[in-house]
């Protein structure tokens, strides 16, 4: 994407009795609110992105307009792709302890996806409330030093060559925050996207669903699962102390944002079932549609989008939280390198190209599932065919991998054509290595050694890239080639035979393979290819560090 700053609307006027210039002067004098990156929105995308940036030692401030976390829960699952990513930050085990795992998930009304057929360490979906995921990510973000400001609403932003000025309404009045970069993770009605003048093309909602978390007067009147009535269906999901009910909205209002009332939901429920099912009280009521939109660009100057701010889609597969985490993991390490001045802004173009393409696939998959979930008789043969493919031994795995994102693969321009390139690298066993990552307060490089470890704990420990090496004649030349990037890439020797058909793999911080060495290339040629890949993905080389060539 181009680096040219984009004008933003003028800042909102200060409240009566408040002078915005005074707030600006106070911020400038005290350095209040200054950050390398300002993240707007404390949902899964914003929290995960803030964690990634803080792990990479980037000063991060997270703004959230709501003064407290929501009292309702939008979703209840993490899929295999999210668990793979979170595992590479040491968070998956804690999340897995919170809920049950199920080896199938809804695909169409007639079929479920066989997740056990996927090639992954996590062939299931984890049942966990989105609110709990957000609580754990919030704790992690604070532990890493993220400054979280609740009750702060973005009202305007200005971009310049050296950063972004964000104007906010806070509990203490208008305030200005300054940052090098700003990430909009503020949902489908993103304020950031609007202020950055980023188009949001796609298809508007045509069908609407009502969702209600309620306590029934007699819970026995609606069994859990799909309930088919005279005029429609009602899906009932058990929750602790209440039940979640979903049914079609037969008469959506002209204003789809009009609040849903309990009376309106009761009418729709009774209409679908053809009988009266009294509701004692409601915890949360909402309406959602099947709109599908993808931001025209995920970056405009120093403003970036992630999560629902970048794409909205039909709720098929309940994949929204998972796509948000995926965006954040892709963006975090790249934005950190750019914010620290170690990589050019062009690295952020790969965030757009990789995740915009992933967003397009997400919209295609969820729109297809939404169509198949309908009652159009002309689609019945397609439903039957896909129901068979979702269960057949030869096709269940690839289909589940596509729907859940396990099949995600990114371009690897300097690669050799190895099957791993662009894909998630498995947990390779390691023998030993030199870990040199980051700086401490006095500016010196951290040194460490690794003995008998594995790739996933290494990524979780450092948050950096990794160069995995077989103990071959080329290893010394490759280790020396990577030495100038030792503050961003840890070198480690793998156990014999751990790398199939390649003597070396360069792993990105998000766990994807950026480069593999050709199995027969001369050491000098392989080293040149590695340097090109390191320059592309990790920025300019630093001054070589004495002793950075690894253990003998």
Protein backbone atom coordinates (compact mmCIF):
# COMPACT_ATOMS: atom_id res chain seq x y z
CA UNK A 1 0.00 0.00 0.00
CA UNK A 2 1.20 3.57 -0.57
CA UNK A 3 2.86 5.43 2.27
CA UNK A 4 1.28 8.78 1.39
CA UNK A 5 -0.57 10.16 4.43
CA UNK A 6 -4.32 10.53 3.99
CA UNK A 7 -6.13 13.60 5.30
CA UNK A 8 -8.65 12.85 8.00
CA UNK A 9 -11.68 14.84 9.10
CA UNK A 10 -11.10 17.77 11.41
CA UNK A 11 -11.12 16.96 15.12
CA UNK A 12 -14.37 17.10 16.98
CA UNK A 13 -14.87 20.32 18.94
CA UNK A 14 -14.11 20.31 22.63
CA UNK A 15 -16.94 20.21 25.08
CA UNK A 16 -18.16 23.44 26.63
CA UNK A 17 -15.65 24.63 29.17
CA UNK A 18 -12.90 22.37 27.70
CA UNK A 19 -10.15 23.74 25.47
CA UNK A 20 -8.57 21.13 23.24
CA UNK A 21 -5.35 23.17 22.75
CA UNK A 22 -4.82 23.04 26.52
CA UNK A 23 -5.19 19.26 26.47
CA UNK A 24 -2.69 19.09 23.62
CA UNK A 25 -0.24 21.28 25.52
CA UNK A 26 -0.57 19.16 28.64
CA UNK A 27 0.00 15.98 26.64
CA UNK A 28 3.05 17.46 24.96
CA UNK A 29 4.50 18.63 28.26
CA UNK A 30 3.98 15.38 30.14
CA UNK A 31 4.28 12.92 27.27
CA UNK A 32 0.85 11.60 28.26
CA UNK A 33 -0.65 9.17 25.79
CA UNK A 34 2.46 8.94 23.62
CA UNK A 35 2.97 5.49 22.13
CA UNK A 36 4.65 3.71 19.28
CA UNK A 37 1.29 2.18 18.33
CA UNK A 38 -2.22 3.14 19.33
CA UNK A 39 -4.70 0.25 19.09
CA UNK A 40 -8.41 1.16 19.01
CA UNK A 41 -10.80 -1.52 20.23
CA UNK A 42 -10.38 -4.05 23.07
CA UNK A 43 -11.97 -7.04 21.39
CA UNK A 44 -10.03 -10.17 20.39
CA UNK A 45 -8.24 -8.44 17.49
CA UNK A 46 -7.17 -5.40 19.50
CA UNK A 47 -6.11 -7.36 22.56
CA UNK A 48 -4.13 -9.91 20.56
CA UNK A 49 -2.45 -7.19 18.51
CA UNK A 50 -1.55 -5.25 21.65
CA UNK A 51 -0.02 -8.41 23.15
CA UNK A 52 2.05 -9.03 20.01
CA UNK A 53 3.36 -5.48 19.94
CA UNK A 54 4.21 -5.41 23.63
CA UNK A 55 5.96 -8.77 23.36
CA UNK A 56 8.15 -7.16 20.69
CA UNK A 57 8.94 -4.26 23.07
CA UNK A 58 6.79 -1.72 21.27
CA UNK A 59 5.12 0.93 23.45
CA UNK A 60 1.42 0.21 23.02
CA UNK A 61 -1.72 1.99 24.20
CA UNK A 62 -5.08 0.28 23.80
CA UNK A 63 -8.21 2.46 23.64
CA UNK A 64 -11.70 1.11 24.26
CA UNK A 65 -14.79 3.31 24.13
CA UNK A 66 -16.84 1.17 26.55
CA UNK A 67 -15.98 1.86 30.20
CA UNK A 68 -16.22 -1.82 31.18
CA UNK A 69 -16.27 -5.22 29.46
CA UNK A 70 -19.62 -6.27 27.96
CA UNK A 71 -22.13 -8.13 30.07
CA UNK A 72 -22.93 -10.48 27.19
CA UNK A 73 -21.00 -12.99 25.10
CA UNK A 74 -20.99 -13.04 21.29
CA UNK A 75 -19.36 -16.40 20.67
CA UNK A 76 -18.30 -19.62 22.34
CA UNK A 77 -15.50 -21.24 20.40
CA UNK A 78 -11.89 -21.17 19.28
CA UNK A 79 -11.01 -23.28 16.26
CA UNK A 80 -7.86 -25.22 15.37
CA UNK A 81 -6.24 -22.31 13.52
CA UNK A 82 -6.55 -20.00 16.52
CA UNK A 83 -5.22 -22.67 18.85
CA UNK A 84 -2.21 -23.23 16.58
CA UNK A 85 -1.43 -19.50 16.62
CA UNK A 86 -2.03 -19.07 20.34
CA UNK A 87 0.10 -22.12 21.06
CA UNK A 88 3.01 -20.26 19.48
CA UNK A 89 2.62 -17.65 22.20
CA UNK A 90 2.26 -20.07 25.08
CA UNK A 91 -1.44 -19.31 25.56
CA UNK A 92 -3.21 -22.36 24.12
CA UNK A 93 -2.70 -24.65 27.11
CA UNK A 94 -4.32 -22.16 29.48
CA UNK A 95 -7.30 -21.73 27.15
CA UNK A 96 -7.69 -25.47 26.62
CA UNK A 97 -8.03 -25.89 30.38
CA UNK A 98 -11.11 -23.66 30.33
CA UNK A 99 -13.53 -25.71 28.24
CA UNK A 100 -14.41 -28.89 26.36
CA UNK A 101 -13.16 -29.86 22.91
CA UNK A 102 -15.41 -31.28 20.20
CA UNK A 103 -14.14 -33.04 17.07
CA UNK A 104 -16.99 -31.84 14.82
CA UNK A 105 -18.58 -28.50 14.03
CA UNK A 106 -21.62 -27.26 12.09
CA UNK A 107 -21.17 -27.02 8.33
CA UNK A 108 -24.61 -27.16 6.73
CA UNK A 109 -28.02 -27.95 8.13
CA UNK A 110 -27.52 -31.54 6.95
CA UNK A 111 -23.87 -32.13 7.82
CA UNK A 112 -21.11 -31.49 10.31
CA UNK A 113 -17.41 -31.11 9.53
CA UNK A 114 -15.18 -33.94 10.68
CA UNK A 115 -12.42 -31.95 12.39
CA UNK A 116 -10.58 -35.09 13.49
CA UNK A 117 -9.51 -35.55 9.85
CA UNK A 118 -7.44 -32.33 9.86
CA UNK A 119 -3.64 -32.31 9.89
CA UNK A 120 -3.10 -30.33 13.07
CA UNK A 121 -2.17 -30.78 16.73
CA UNK A 122 -5.67 -29.49 17.55
CA UNK A 123 -8.23 -31.42 15.46
CA UNK A 124 -11.24 -30.01 17.30
CA UNK A 125 -13.05 -26.85 18.33
CA UNK A 126 -12.66 -25.53 21.87
CA UNK A 127 -15.81 -24.48 23.68
CA UNK A 128 -14.92 -21.26 25.48
CA UNK A 129 -16.78 -17.98 25.87
CA UNK A 130 -15.41 -15.03 23.94
CA UNK A 131 -15.62 -12.99 27.12
CA UNK A 132 -13.24 -15.44 28.82
CA UNK A 133 -10.82 -15.29 25.89
CA UNK A 134 -10.85 -11.50 26.21
CA UNK A 135 -10.24 -11.70 29.95
CA UNK A 136 -7.20 -13.93 29.47
CA UNK A 137 -5.81 -11.73 26.69
CA UNK A 138 -6.39 -8.63 28.83
CA UNK A 139 -4.40 -10.17 31.70
CA UNK A 140 -1.63 -11.11 29.27
CA UNK A 141 -1.59 -7.64 27.72
CA UNK A 142 -1.27 -5.94 31.11
CA UNK A 143 1.47 -8.39 32.11
CA UNK A 144 3.39 -7.36 28.98
CA UNK A 145 3.00 -3.67 29.81
CA UNK A 146 0.14 -2.59 27.55
CA UNK A 147 -1.61 0.55 28.78
CA UNK A 148 -5.39 -0.06 28.50
CA UNK A 149 -7.61 3.02 28.57
CA UNK A 150 -11.33 2.26 28.86
CA UNK A 151 -14.01 4.87 28.37
CA UNK A 152 -11.88 6.57 25.68
CA UNK A 153 -13.71 7.16 22.39
CA UNK A 154 -11.87 8.12 19.21
CA UNK A 155 -13.41 11.20 17.58
CA UNK A 156 -10.87 12.22 14.92
CA UNK A 157 -7.42 11.42 13.65
CA UNK A 158 -4.72 13.16 11.62
CA UNK A 159 -1.86 11.49 9.79
CA UNK A 160 1.54 12.95 9.08
CA UNK A 161 4.89 11.76 7.84
CA UNK A 162 6.01 11.00 11.39
CA UNK A 163 2.88 9.64 13.02
CA UNK A 164 -0.79 9.93 13.92
CA UNK A 165 -2.63 12.32 16.22
CA UNK A 166 -5.77 10.79 17.72
CA UNK A 167 -8.42 13.00 19.28
CA UNK A 168 -10.49 11.30 21.96
CA UNK A 169 -13.32 11.85 24.37
CA UNK A 170 -12.32 10.57 27.80
CA UNK A 171 -13.93 10.53 31.26
CA UNK A 172 -11.88 13.69 31.97
CA UNK A 173 -12.76 15.48 28.74
CA UNK A 174 -11.15 15.75 25.28
CA UNK A 175 -7.57 14.59 24.96
CA UNK A 176 -4.94 14.12 22.30
CA UNK A 177 -2.83 10.99 21.97
CA UNK A 178 0.14 10.73 19.64
CA UNK A 179 1.55 7.57 18.13
CA UNK A 180 3.66 6.44 15.25
CA UNK A 181 0.91 4.10 14.04
CA UNK A 182 -2.78 3.48 14.67
CA UNK A 183 -4.59 0.13 14.30
CA UNK A 184 -8.36 0.03 14.00
CA UNK A 185 -9.74 -3.08 15.71
CA UNK A 186 -13.04 -1.45 16.58
CA UNK A 187 -15.60 -3.75 14.97
CA UNK A 188 -17.88 -3.83 11.98
CA UNK A 189 -18.99 -0.21 12.43
CA UNK A 190 -15.37 0.89 12.73
CA UNK A 191 -14.80 4.55 13.53
CA UNK A 192 -11.18 4.19 12.43
CA UNK A 193 -12.18 2.85 9.03
CA UNK A 194 -14.53 5.78 8.51
CA UNK A 195 -12.03 8.42 9.66
CA UNK A 196 -9.36 6.91 7.40
CA UNK A 197 -11.81 7.03 4.46
CA UNK A 198 -11.33 3.35 3.63
CA UNK A 199 -14.14 1.93 1.49
CA UNK A 200 -16.03 -1.14 2.72
CA UNK A 201 -17.52 -2.81 -0.36
CA UNK A 202 -19.58 -5.98 -0.31
CA UNK A 203 -23.13 -7.24 -0.09
CA UNK A 204 -25.70 -5.85 2.37
CA UNK A 205 -27.62 -8.07 4.76
CA UNK A 206 -30.62 -9.79 3.20
CA UNK A 207 -31.54 -12.19 5.97
CA UNK A 208 -31.61 -11.41 9.67
CA UNK A 209 -31.41 -13.62 12.72
CA UNK A 210 -32.58 -12.84 16.23
CA UNK A 211 -30.42 -13.91 19.17
CA UNK A 212 -31.56 -13.97 22.76
CA UNK A 213 -29.87 -15.14 25.94
CA UNK A 214 -32.91 -15.87 28.11
CA UNK A 215 -34.28 -17.73 31.08
CA UNK A 216 -37.35 -19.72 30.09
CA UNK A 217 -40.31 -20.11 32.40
CA UNK A 218 -40.20 -23.84 31.63
CA UNK A 219 -36.86 -24.89 30.03
CA UNK A 220 -38.34 -28.28 29.10
CA UNK A 221 -40.44 -26.64 26.39
CA UNK A 222 -37.41 -26.20 24.08
CA UNK A 223 -34.94 -29.10 23.87
CA UNK A 224 -31.34 -28.22 23.12
CA UNK A 225 -30.39 -28.28 19.46
CA UNK A 226 -32.54 -27.61 16.40
CA UNK A 227 -36.27 -27.27 17.05
CA UNK A 228 -38.44 -27.33 13.92
CA UNK A 229 -41.80 -25.61 14.31
CA UNK A 230 -44.80 -24.80 12.14
CA UNK A 231 -43.25 -21.65 10.65
CA UNK A 232 -39.52 -22.00 11.15
CA UNK A 233 -36.74 -23.32 13.34
CA UNK A 234 -35.28 -22.33 16.68
CA UNK A 235 -31.75 -23.30 17.66
CA UNK A 236 -31.25 -23.71 21.42
CA UNK A 237 -27.76 -23.69 22.97
CA UNK A 238 -27.40 -24.45 26.69
CA UNK A 239 -25.43 -21.98 28.76
CA UNK A 240 -24.82 -21.85 32.54
CA UNK A 241 -28.00 -20.38 34.04
CA UNK A 242 -29.71 -19.55 30.74
CA UNK A 243 -30.25 -20.70 27.16
CA UNK A 244 -29.23 -19.01 23.90
CA UNK A 245 -32.02 -19.02 21.32
CA UNK A 246 -31.63 -18.15 17.65
CA UNK A 247 -34.40 -17.84 15.08
CA UNK A 248 -35.03 -16.01 11.82
CA UNK A 249 -36.42 -12.50 11.95
CA UNK A 250 -39.56 -12.74 9.80
CA UNK A 251 -40.14 -8.97 9.73
CA UNK A 252 -36.89 -7.01 10.10
CA UNK A 253 -37.31 -3.29 10.82
CA UNK A 254 -36.28 -0.71 8.26
CA UNK A 255 -33.50 0.36 10.61
CA UNK A 256 -31.58 -2.87 11.18
CA UNK A 257 -29.81 -1.21 14.13
CA UNK A 258 -33.11 -0.71 15.95
CA UNK A 259 -32.80 -2.36 19.39
CA UNK A 260 -34.46 -5.76 19.72
CA UNK A 261 -37.04 -5.88 22.51
CA UNK A 262 -38.10 -8.90 24.52
CA UNK A 263 -41.67 -8.48 23.25
CA UNK A 264 -40.45 -8.60 19.65
CA UNK A 265 -38.34 -11.68 20.27
CA UNK A 266 -41.19 -13.45 22.10
CA UNK A 267 -43.41 -12.87 19.07
CA UNK A 268 -40.81 -14.25 16.67
CA UNK A 269 -40.18 -17.29 18.90
CA UNK A 270 -43.85 -18.15 19.20
CA UNK A 271 -44.37 -17.63 15.46
CA UNK A 272 -41.51 -19.97 14.49
CA UNK A 273 -42.62 -22.75 16.83
CA UNK A 274 -46.34 -22.28 16.34
CA UNK A 275 -46.88 -22.34 20.09
CA UNK A 276 -46.36 -20.20 23.15
CA UNK A 277 -43.06 -20.62 25.03
CA UNK A 278 -42.96 -18.02 27.83
CA UNK A 279 -39.68 -16.23 28.60
CA UNK A 280 -39.13 -15.27 32.24
CA UNK A 281 -36.37 -12.73 31.59
CA UNK A 282 -33.67 -11.82 29.08
CA UNK A 283 -29.94 -11.25 29.62
CA UNK A 284 -29.10 -10.04 26.11
CA UNK A 285 -31.03 -9.45 22.89
CA UNK A 286 -29.59 -8.65 19.49
CA UNK A 287 -30.17 -8.92 15.76
CA UNK A 288 -27.55 -9.75 13.14
CA UNK A 289 -27.58 -10.15 9.39
CA UNK A 290 -25.69 -11.97 6.65
CA UNK A 291 -23.85 -8.95 5.24
CA UNK A 292 -20.45 -9.69 3.73
CA UNK A 293 -17.96 -6.86 3.34
CA UNK A 294 -14.19 -6.58 2.98
CA UNK A 295 -12.27 -3.33 3.40
CA UNK A 296 -10.83 -2.11 0.12
CA UNK A 297 -7.45 -1.86 1.80
CA UNK A 298 -6.15 -2.91 5.19
CA UNK A 299 -3.66 -0.08 5.34
CA UNK A 300 -3.87 3.60 4.52
CA UNK A 301 -0.71 5.45 5.40
CA UNK A 302 -0.12 4.92 9.11
CA UNK A 303 -3.58 3.49 9.79
CA UNK A 304 -4.29 -0.25 9.62
CA UNK A 305 -7.40 -2.38 10.08
CA UNK A 306 -7.86 -5.82 11.65
CA UNK A 307 -10.71 -8.07 12.72
CA UNK A 308 -14.31 -7.00 12.06
CA UNK A 309 -13.08 -3.52 11.17
CA UNK A 310 -11.49 -5.17 8.12
CA UNK A 311 -14.20 -7.69 7.25
CA UNK A 312 -17.70 -8.73 8.25
CA UNK A 313 -19.34 -11.94 7.12
CA UNK A 314 -22.29 -14.25 7.75
CA UNK A 315 -21.98 -15.97 11.13
CA UNK A 316 -21.58 -19.45 9.62
CA UNK A 317 -18.99 -21.47 11.50
CA UNK A 318 -18.73 -18.84 14.27
CA UNK A 319 -15.32 -17.89 12.88
CA UNK A 320 -15.24 -14.15 13.66
CA UNK A 321 -13.03 -14.37 16.78
CA UNK A 322 -10.71 -16.75 14.98
CA UNK A 323 -10.26 -14.48 11.96
CA UNK A 324 -9.54 -11.57 14.31
CA UNK A 325 -6.75 -13.46 16.08
CA UNK A 326 -5.33 -14.47 12.70
CA UNK A 327 -5.20 -10.84 11.52
CA UNK A 328 -3.55 -9.71 14.74
CA UNK A 329 -0.87 -12.40 14.65
CA UNK A 330 -0.02 -11.55 11.05
CA UNK A 331 0.13 -7.81 11.66
CA UNK A 332 1.76 -7.69 15.10
CA UNK A 333 5.34 -8.77 14.33
CA UNK A 334 5.43 -6.82 11.07
CA UNK A 335 4.18 -3.59 12.64
CA UNK A 336 6.63 -4.08 15.52
CA UNK A 337 9.61 -4.28 13.15
CA UNK A 338 8.45 -1.17 11.30
CA UNK A 339 7.65 0.75 14.50
CA UNK A 340 11.12 -0.06 15.87
CA UNK A 341 12.70 1.24 12.66
CA UNK A 342 14.17 -2.15 11.75
CA UNK A 343 12.08 -2.79 8.65
CA UNK A 344 10.70 -0.53 5.90
CA UNK A 345 7.02 0.34 5.71
CA UNK A 346 6.72 -1.90 2.64
CA UNK A 347 6.70 -4.88 5.03
CA UNK A 348 3.18 -3.78 5.99
CA UNK A 349 2.11 -4.24 2.38
CA UNK A 350 2.47 -7.98 2.95
CA UNK A 351 -0.07 -7.70 5.78
CA UNK A 352 -2.56 -6.27 3.30
CA UNK A 353 -1.82 -8.79 0.56
CA UNK A 354 -1.85 -11.83 2.85
CA UNK A 355 -4.82 -11.01 5.04
CA UNK A 356 -6.92 -9.33 2.33
CA UNK A 357 -6.70 -12.57 0.35
CA UNK A 358 -7.56 -14.51 3.52
CA UNK A 359 -10.52 -12.16 4.08
CA UNK A 360 -11.79 -12.84 0.56
CA UNK A 361 -11.67 -16.59 1.23
CA UNK A 362 -13.42 -16.06 4.56
CA UNK A 363 -16.28 -14.21 2.86
CA UNK A 364 -16.55 -16.85 0.14
CA UNK A 365 -16.70 -19.71 2.62
CA UNK A 366 -19.16 -18.14 5.04
CA UNK A 367 -21.44 -16.89 2.24
CA UNK A 368 -21.51 -20.40 0.77
CA UNK A 369 -22.38 -21.89 4.15
CA UNK A 370 -25.11 -19.28 4.70
CA UNK A 371 -26.68 -20.14 1.34
CA UNK A 372 -26.58 -23.85 2.12
CA UNK A 373 -28.23 -23.22 5.48
CA UNK A 374 -31.27 -21.76 3.74
CA UNK A 375 -34.35 -23.60 2.51
CA UNK A 376 -33.91 -23.03 -1.23
CA UNK A 377 -34.90 -26.35 -2.82
CA UNK A 378 -32.74 -25.66 -5.89
CA UNK A 379 -29.68 -25.95 -3.65
CA UNK A 380 -30.71 -29.31 -2.20
CA UNK A 381 -28.41 -31.33 -4.53
CA UNK A 382 -25.49 -29.08 -3.55
CA UNK A 383 -26.26 -29.61 0.13
CA UNK A 384 -26.36 -33.36 -0.33
CA UNK A 385 -23.07 -33.38 -2.24
CA UNK A 386 -21.24 -31.25 0.31
CA UNK A 387 -22.70 -33.28 3.17
CA UNK A 388 -21.04 -36.35 1.65
CA UNK A 389 -17.73 -34.52 1.11
CA UNK A 390 -17.77 -33.29 4.72
CA UNK A 391 -17.83 -36.89 5.96
CA UNK A 392 -15.93 -38.84 3.30
CA UNK A 393 -12.47 -40.02 4.38
CA UNK A 394 -10.67 -38.55 1.35
CA UNK A 395 -12.28 -35.09 1.44
CA UNK A 396 -13.32 -34.38 5.05
CA UNK A 397 -9.83 -33.27 6.10
CA UNK A 398 -9.08 -30.84 3.24
CA UNK A 399 -12.57 -29.33 3.49
CA UNK A 400 -12.30 -28.84 7.26
CA UNK A 401 -8.81 -27.35 6.86
CA UNK A 402 -10.12 -24.83 4.33
CA UNK A 403 -13.13 -23.80 6.42
CA UNK A 404 -11.19 -23.46 9.68
CA UNK A 405 -8.12 -21.74 8.16
CA UNK A 406 -5.68 -24.60 8.88
CA UNK A 407 -4.93 -24.60 5.14
CA UNK A 408 -3.69 -20.98 5.32
CA UNK A 409 -0.51 -20.54 3.27
CA UNK A 410 1.30 -17.29 2.54
CA UNK A 411 3.59 -16.47 -0.41
CA UNK A 412 7.32 -17.20 0.06
CA UNK A 413 9.07 -15.24 -2.73
CA UNK A 414 12.59 -16.51 -2.06
CA UNK A 415 11.68 -20.13 -1.49
CA UNK A 416 12.75 -23.35 -3.13
CA UNK A 417 9.30 -24.87 -3.61
CA UNK A 418 9.37 -26.98 -0.45
CA UNK A 419 5.86 -28.08 0.72
CA UNK A 420 6.30 -26.23 4.01
CA UNK A 421 6.87 -22.81 2.45
CA UNK A 422 4.16 -20.38 3.45
CA UNK A 423 2.51 -22.98 5.69
CA UNK A 424 2.60 -23.38 9.46
CA UNK A 425 5.79 -25.18 10.51
CA UNK A 426 5.21 -28.14 12.85
CA UNK A 427 6.78 -28.38 16.30
CA UNK A 428 10.30 -29.37 15.24
CA UNK A 429 12.49 -30.90 17.98
CA UNK A 430 15.67 -28.89 18.59
CA UNK A 431 19.10 -29.87 19.89
CA UNK A 432 20.82 -26.62 20.74
CA UNK A 433 21.05 -23.03 19.62
CA UNK A 434 21.99 -19.46 20.41
CA UNK A 435 19.06 -17.26 21.40
CA UNK A 436 19.73 -13.59 20.94
CA UNK A 437 16.61 -11.52 20.97
CA UNK A 438 15.82 -8.00 22.00
CA UNK A 439 17.49 -5.48 24.22
CA UNK A 440 17.45 -4.77 27.90
CA UNK A 441 17.21 -1.33 29.46
CA UNK A 442 20.89 -0.50 28.98
CA UNK A 443 20.64 -1.31 25.27
CA UNK A 444 22.71 -4.49 25.34
CA UNK A 445 21.65 -7.62 23.51
CA UNK A 446 20.16 -10.48 25.49
CA UNK A 447 22.07 -13.74 25.17
CA UNK A 448 20.88 -17.21 25.98
CA UNK A 449 21.28 -20.83 25.05
CA UNK A 450 18.80 -23.52 24.20
CA UNK A 451 19.24 -27.19 24.99
CA UNK A 452 16.85 -29.96 23.91
CA UNK A 453 13.82 -27.82 23.15
CA UNK A 454 11.26 -27.50 20.36
CA UNK A 455 10.15 -24.84 17.91
CA UNK A 456 6.81 -23.92 19.49
CA UNK A 457 8.24 -23.13 22.95
CA UNK A 458 11.04 -21.20 21.23
CA UNK A 459 8.54 -18.98 19.39
CA UNK A 460 6.52 -18.52 22.58
CA UNK A 461 9.63 -17.57 24.56
CA UNK A 462 11.02 -15.01 22.13
CA UNK A 463 8.17 -13.82 19.90
CA UNK A 464 10.84 -13.58 17.21
CA UNK A 465 11.70 -15.54 14.08
CA UNK A 466 13.76 -18.71 14.02
CA UNK A 467 16.32 -20.25 11.71
CA UNK A 468 16.22 -24.03 11.99
CA UNK A 469 19.34 -25.82 10.78
CA UNK A 470 20.27 -29.40 10.10
CA UNK A 471 23.81 -30.24 11.18
CA UNK A 472 25.20 -30.22 7.62
CA UNK A 473 28.12 -28.66 5.77
CA UNK A 474 25.90 -25.68 4.89
CA UNK A 475 24.92 -24.91 8.50
CA UNK A 476 27.97 -22.76 9.30
CA UNK A 477 27.50 -20.56 6.22
CA UNK A 478 23.76 -20.16 6.89
CA UNK A 479 24.29 -19.35 10.56
CA UNK A 480 26.89 -16.72 9.62
CA UNK A 481 24.53 -15.23 7.01
CA UNK A 482 21.81 -14.83 9.65
CA UNK A 483 24.11 -13.36 12.33
CA UNK A 484 23.30 -9.69 11.52
CA UNK A 485 19.63 -10.44 12.26
CA UNK A 486 20.36 -12.15 15.59
CA UNK A 487 18.25 -9.60 17.49
CA UNK A 488 15.21 -10.71 15.46
CA UNK A 489 15.92 -14.33 14.53
CA UNK A 490 17.11 -17.12 16.84
CA UNK A 491 19.27 -19.85 15.29
CA UNK A 492 18.85 -23.42 16.46
CA UNK A 493 20.09 -26.83 15.34
CA UNK A 494 17.37 -29.44 14.92
CA UNK A 495 17.59 -33.08 15.80
CA UNK A 496 18.84 -35.31 12.97
CA UNK A 497 16.23 -35.93 10.30
CA UNK A 498 13.74 -33.38 11.67
CA UNK A 499 13.70 -31.29 8.47
CA UNK A 500 12.50 -33.34 5.50
CA UNK A 501 14.17 -32.57 2.14
CA UNK A 502 15.82 -29.32 3.27
CA UNK A 503 18.84 -28.42 5.43
CA UNK A 504 17.30 -25.19 6.79
CA UNK A 505 13.98 -23.40 7.37
CA UNK A 506 13.42 -19.71 8.17
CA UNK A 507 10.34 -19.40 10.39
CA UNK A 508 8.39 -16.17 10.77
CA UNK A 509 7.31 -15.07 14.26
CA UNK A 510 3.76 -16.23 13.48
CA UNK A 511 5.04 -19.76 12.82
CA UNK A 512 4.83 -19.79 9.02
CA UNK A 513 7.82 -20.85 6.91
CA UNK A 514 9.27 -17.86 5.03
CA UNK A 515 12.08 -19.76 3.28
CA UNK A 516 13.58 -23.20 2.93
CA UNK A 517 17.04 -24.03 1.67
CA UNK A 518 17.29 -26.03 -1.58
CA UNK A 519 18.55 -29.51 -0.59
CA UNK A 520 21.41 -29.50 -3.15
CA UNK A 521 22.33 -25.79 -3.35
CA UNK A 522 25.98 -24.87 -2.63
CA UNK A 523 26.37 -23.26 0.84
CA UNK A 524 27.26 -19.84 -0.63
CA UNK A 525 24.19 -19.79 -2.90
CA UNK A 526 21.91 -20.91 -0.07
CA UNK A 527 23.36 -18.20 2.19
CA UNK A 528 22.61 -15.53 -0.43
CA UNK A 529 19.02 -16.73 -0.72
CA UNK A 530 18.68 -16.70 3.06
CA UNK A 531 19.98 -13.13 3.28
CA UNK A 532 17.42 -12.03 0.69
CA UNK A 533 14.61 -13.68 2.65
CA UNK A 534 15.83 -12.19 5.94
CA UNK A 535 15.97 -8.73 4.39
CA UNK A 536 12.43 -9.09 3.03
CA UNK A 537 10.82 -10.37 6.22
CA UNK A 538 13.00 -8.93 8.99
CA UNK A 539 14.29 -5.65 7.56
CA UNK A 540 17.79 -4.24 7.38
CA UNK A 541 20.72 -6.16 8.78
CA UNK A 542 22.18 -4.96 12.06
CA UNK A 543 25.86 -4.89 12.90
CA UNK A 544 27.01 -8.50 13.32
CA UNK A 545 27.10 -9.54 16.95
CA UNK A 546 30.30 -11.22 18.20
CA UNK A 547 29.65 -14.87 18.92
CA UNK A 548 26.30 -14.85 17.08
CA UNK A 549 27.22 -17.76 14.86
CA UNK A 550 25.78 -20.23 17.36
CA UNK A 551 27.06 -23.11 19.37
CA UNK A 552 29.73 -25.37 17.88
